[in-house]
N, C-alpha and C. Protein backbone atom coordinates (compact mmCIF):
# COMPACT_ATOMS: atom_id res chain seq x y z
N MET A 1 35.35 -1.02 -14.73
CA MET A 1 34.31 -1.17 -15.31
C MET A 1 33.43 -0.50 -14.76
N THR A 2 32.08 0.27 -15.20
CA THR A 2 31.37 1.12 -14.58
C THR A 2 30.18 0.12 -14.35
N TRP A 3 29.02 0.51 -13.51
CA TRP A 3 27.54 -0.40 -13.35
C TRP A 3 27.19 -1.15 -14.58
N TRP A 4 26.69 -0.08 -15.33
CA TRP A 4 25.68 0.16 -16.53
C TRP A 4 26.39 -1.21 -17.00
N ASN A 5 27.83 -1.49 -17.13
CA ASN A 5 28.28 -2.47 -17.80
C ASN A 5 28.38 -3.68 -17.71
N SER A 6 28.15 -3.87 -16.02
CA SER A 6 27.83 -5.68 -15.53
C SER A 6 26.15 -5.82 -15.49
N SER A 7 26.00 -6.74 -15.72
CA SER A 7 24.48 -6.97 -15.98
C SER A 7 23.91 -7.01 -14.56
N ALA A 8 24.90 -7.95 -13.79
CA ALA A 8 24.43 -8.16 -12.29
C ALA A 8 24.07 -6.48 -11.33
N ASP A 9 24.97 -5.97 -12.14
CA ASP A 9 24.76 -4.30 -11.25
C ASP A 9 24.05 -3.80 -11.76
N LEU A 10 23.56 -3.83 -13.00
CA LEU A 10 22.35 -2.96 -13.95
C LEU A 10 21.11 -3.37 -13.08
N ILE A 11 20.89 -4.95 -12.92
CA ILE A 11 19.79 -5.40 -12.53
C ILE A 11 19.48 -5.13 -11.08
N LEU A 12 20.88 -5.37 -10.23
CA LEU A 12 20.54 -4.74 -8.70
C LEU A 12 19.95 -3.21 -8.58
N VAL A 13 20.57 -2.08 -9.44
CA VAL A 13 20.25 -0.84 -9.55
C VAL A 13 18.41 -0.65 -10.26
N LEU A 14 18.59 -1.49 -11.32
CA LEU A 14 16.78 -1.03 -11.74
C LEU A 14 16.30 -1.59 -10.86
N GLY A 15 16.60 -2.84 -10.03
CA GLY A 15 15.40 -3.31 -9.35
C GLY A 15 15.46 -2.47 -7.97
N ALA A 16 16.24 -2.34 -7.44
CA ALA A 16 16.15 -0.98 -6.26
C ALA A 16 15.26 -0.03 -6.64
N SER A 17 15.69 0.38 -7.79
CA SER A 17 14.87 2.04 -8.20
C SER A 17 13.71 1.83 -8.25
N GLY A 18 13.59 0.40 -8.61
CA GLY A 18 11.90 0.14 -9.25
C GLY A 18 11.40 0.17 -8.22
N GLY A 19 11.85 -0.58 -6.79
CA GLY A 19 11.30 -1.08 -5.67
C GLY A 19 11.26 0.63 -5.13
N CYS A 20 11.76 1.38 -5.25
CA CYS A 20 11.86 2.70 -4.47
C CYS A 20 10.58 3.24 -5.23
N CYS A 21 10.08 3.60 -6.69
CA CYS A 21 9.17 4.22 -7.23
C CYS A 21 7.86 3.26 -6.83
N VAL A 22 7.99 2.14 -6.67
CA VAL A 22 6.64 1.39 -6.55
C VAL A 22 6.19 1.94 -5.17
N SER A 23 7.17 1.96 -4.07
CA SER A 23 6.97 2.13 -2.80
C SER A 23 6.43 3.72 -2.49
N ILE A 24 6.79 4.86 -3.37
CA ILE A 24 6.21 5.95 -3.62
C ILE A 24 4.93 5.99 -3.96
N ILE A 25 4.53 5.62 -5.00
CA ILE A 25 3.61 5.52 -5.86
C ILE A 25 2.46 4.75 -4.76
N TYR A 26 3.04 4.05 -4.04
CA TYR A 26 2.05 3.09 -3.14
C TYR A 26 1.77 4.05 -1.83
N ALA A 27 2.26 4.71 -1.25
CA ALA A 27 2.34 5.73 -0.27
C ALA A 27 1.70 6.88 -0.79
N VAL A 28 1.27 7.52 -2.20
CA VAL A 28 0.91 8.46 -2.42
C VAL A 28 -0.57 7.96 -2.35
N CYS A 29 -0.88 6.76 -3.14
CA CYS A 29 -2.13 6.35 -3.50
C CYS A 29 -3.15 5.69 -2.13
N VAL A 30 -1.99 5.35 -0.82
CA VAL A 30 -2.58 4.88 0.12
C VAL A 30 -3.46 6.48 1.11
N ASN A 31 -2.49 7.57 0.78
CA ASN A 31 -2.45 8.57 1.62
C ASN A 31 -3.64 9.19 0.67
N MET A 32 -4.05 9.24 -0.75
CA MET A 32 -4.98 9.69 -1.13
C MET A 32 -6.25 9.04 -1.16
N ARG A 33 -6.18 7.86 -0.96
CA ARG A 33 -7.76 6.98 -0.24
C ARG A 33 -8.20 7.72 1.05
N MET A 34 -7.18 7.68 1.79
CA MET A 34 -7.60 7.86 3.25
C MET A 34 -7.79 9.46 3.03
N SER A 35 -8.10 10.11 2.54
CA SER A 35 -8.11 11.36 2.19
C SER A 35 -9.62 11.68 1.97
N ARG A 36 -10.17 12.61 2.54
CA ARG A 36 -11.85 13.12 2.85
C ARG A 36 -11.86 13.91 1.81
N CYS A 37 -10.86 14.46 0.91
CA CYS A 37 -11.40 14.90 -0.13
C CYS A 37 -12.11 14.81 -1.25
N LYS A 38 -13.09 15.69 -1.90
CA LYS A 38 -13.78 14.92 -2.79
C LYS A 38 -13.15 14.92 -4.01
N THR A 39 -12.53 15.97 -4.74
CA THR A 39 -11.85 16.18 -5.57
C THR A 39 -10.51 15.85 -5.57
N ILE A 40 -9.78 15.32 -6.17
CA ILE A 40 -8.52 15.56 -5.85
C ILE A 40 -7.74 15.99 -7.42
N ARG A 41 -6.58 16.87 -7.02
CA ARG A 41 -5.86 17.22 -8.19
C ARG A 41 -4.11 16.83 -8.07
N ALA A 42 -3.89 16.26 -8.94
CA ALA A 42 -2.44 15.96 -8.78
C ALA A 42 -1.69 15.40 -10.16
N CYS A 43 -0.61 16.15 -10.27
CA CYS A 43 0.27 15.90 -11.20
C CYS A 43 -0.54 15.90 -12.59
N GLY A 44 -1.84 16.88 -12.48
CA GLY A 44 -2.25 17.05 -14.15
C GLY A 44 -3.15 16.23 -14.12
N CYS A 45 -3.76 15.47 -13.14
CA CYS A 45 -4.77 14.48 -12.97
C CYS A 45 -6.20 15.31 -12.24
N ILE A 46 -6.81 15.13 -12.79
CA ILE A 46 -8.20 15.21 -11.73
C ILE A 46 -9.07 14.31 -11.56
N CYS A 47 -9.70 14.11 -10.35
CA CYS A 47 -10.38 13.08 -9.95
C CYS A 47 -11.29 13.48 -8.95
N ASP A 48 -12.92 13.30 -9.36
CA ASP A 48 -13.64 13.41 -8.63
C ASP A 48 -14.08 12.14 -7.87
N ARG A 49 -13.93 11.70 -6.83
CA ARG A 49 -14.73 10.78 -6.43
C ARG A 49 -15.80 10.93 -4.74
N ASP A 50 -16.02 9.84 -4.84
CA ASP A 50 -16.73 9.34 -3.37
C ASP A 50 -16.25 9.35 -2.40
N VAL A 51 -16.34 9.69 -1.43
CA VAL A 51 -15.86 10.04 -0.05
C VAL A 51 -16.55 8.79 0.71
N GLU A 52 -15.69 7.70 1.35
CA GLU A 52 -16.15 7.04 2.43
C GLU A 52 -16.78 7.63 3.67
N THR A 53 -17.29 6.74 3.92
CA THR A 53 -18.16 7.70 5.49
C THR A 53 -17.05 6.92 6.40
N ALA A 54 -17.19 7.54 7.93
CA ALA A 54 -16.36 7.42 8.64
C ALA A 54 -17.13 5.91 9.18
N GLU A 55 -17.97 5.61 9.11
CA GLU A 55 -18.40 3.69 9.62
C GLU A 55 -17.98 2.54 8.48
N GLU A 56 -18.03 3.57 7.04
CA GLU A 56 -17.31 2.45 5.91
C GLU A 56 -15.94 2.44 6.25
N MET A 57 -14.95 3.43 6.79
CA MET A 57 -13.87 3.24 6.99
C MET A 57 -13.29 2.27 8.22
N LYS A 58 -14.48 2.21 9.42
CA LYS A 58 -14.13 1.56 10.46
C LYS A 58 -14.46 0.21 10.03
N MET A 59 -15.75 -0.26 9.46
CA MET A 59 -16.08 -1.60 9.05
C MET A 59 -14.58 -2.29 8.10
N GLU A 60 -14.10 -1.54 6.98
CA GLU A 60 -13.25 -2.09 6.59
C GLU A 60 -11.72 -2.22 7.24
N LEU A 61 -11.42 -1.28 8.31
CA LEU A 61 -10.20 -1.50 9.10
C LEU A 61 -10.66 -2.68 9.80
N GLU A 62 -11.83 -2.74 10.42
CA GLU A 62 -12.34 -4.19 11.19
C GLU A 62 -11.92 -5.68 10.72
N HIS A 63 -12.46 -5.55 9.29
CA HIS A 63 -12.17 -6.79 8.32
C HIS A 63 -10.91 -6.93 7.97
N ASP A 64 -10.23 -5.83 7.69
CA ASP A 64 -8.09 -6.06 7.49
C ASP A 64 -7.76 -6.62 8.78
N ASN A 65 -7.89 -6.39 10.00
CA ASN A 65 -7.34 -7.11 11.04
C ASN A 65 -8.19 -8.13 11.30
N HIS A 66 -9.62 -8.31 10.91
CA HIS A 66 -9.79 -9.79 11.23
C HIS A 66 -9.20 -10.66 10.22
N GLY A 67 -9.06 -10.21 9.28
CA GLY A 67 -8.41 -11.07 8.17
C GLY A 67 -6.62 -11.55 8.71
N GLN A 68 -6.22 -10.38 9.32
CA GLN A 68 -4.88 -10.70 9.00
C GLN A 68 -4.60 -11.33 10.75
N GLN A 69 -5.77 -11.64 11.32
CA GLN A 69 -5.72 -12.28 12.29
C GLN A 69 -5.60 -13.67 12.08
N ASN A 70 -6.49 -14.20 10.95
CA ASN A 70 -6.90 -15.45 10.54
C ASN A 70 -5.56 -15.63 10.01
N ARG A 71 -5.01 -15.10 9.03
CA ARG A 71 -3.40 -15.37 8.70
C ARG A 71 -2.71 -16.08 9.52
N ASN A 72 -2.70 -15.30 10.67
CA ASN A 72 -1.57 -15.37 11.79
C ASN A 72 -1.84 -16.73 12.36
N ASN A 73 -3.34 -17.21 12.13
CA ASN A 73 -3.52 -18.43 13.28
C ASN A 73 -4.73 -19.41 12.26
N PRO A 74 -4.05 -19.75 11.04
CA PRO A 74 -5.11 -20.38 10.21
C PRO A 74 -6.08 -21.65 10.50
N ALA A 75 -5.88 -22.10 11.64
CA ALA A 75 -6.69 -23.38 12.67
C ALA A 75 -7.73 -23.01 13.16
N GLY A 76 -7.42 -21.55 13.31
CA GLY A 76 -8.69 -21.18 13.88
C GLY A 76 -8.77 -21.20 15.40
N ASN A 77 -7.96 -21.51 16.17
CA ASN A 77 -7.57 -22.01 17.41
C ASN A 77 -7.11 -20.60 18.03
N PRO A 78 -8.14 -20.37 19.27
CA PRO A 78 -7.47 -19.13 19.79
C PRO A 78 -6.38 -19.08 20.55
N ARG A 79 -5.55 -18.37 20.50
CA ARG A 79 -3.87 -18.10 20.88
C ARG A 79 -4.51 -17.55 22.28
N ALA A 80 -3.16 -18.20 23.41
CA ALA A 80 -3.38 -17.37 24.70
C ALA A 80 -2.22 -16.50 24.69
N ASP A 81 -2.38 -15.34 24.62
CA ASP A 81 -0.93 -14.55 24.53
C ASP A 81 -0.40 -14.62 26.02
N ILE A 82 0.88 -15.10 26.12
CA ILE A 82 1.60 -15.14 27.40
C ILE A 82 2.63 -14.15 27.46
């Protein structure tokens, strides 16, 4: 019996393939977002955009780091790293 005849195997293959496709799309989007290019041409699409300044990127990174610290320590109590 081949993998496409078994529903469990088919779901596994489709899930793994979908996960790979989503991760590739995510990686491309993150790299495009961090790009300093004003005009992006990819896969037949053209995008003109406003580029974030270095200060805006720094503020966003600090905000993301602060949010991750709050998720790791929801009570807001300072942790002593030993």
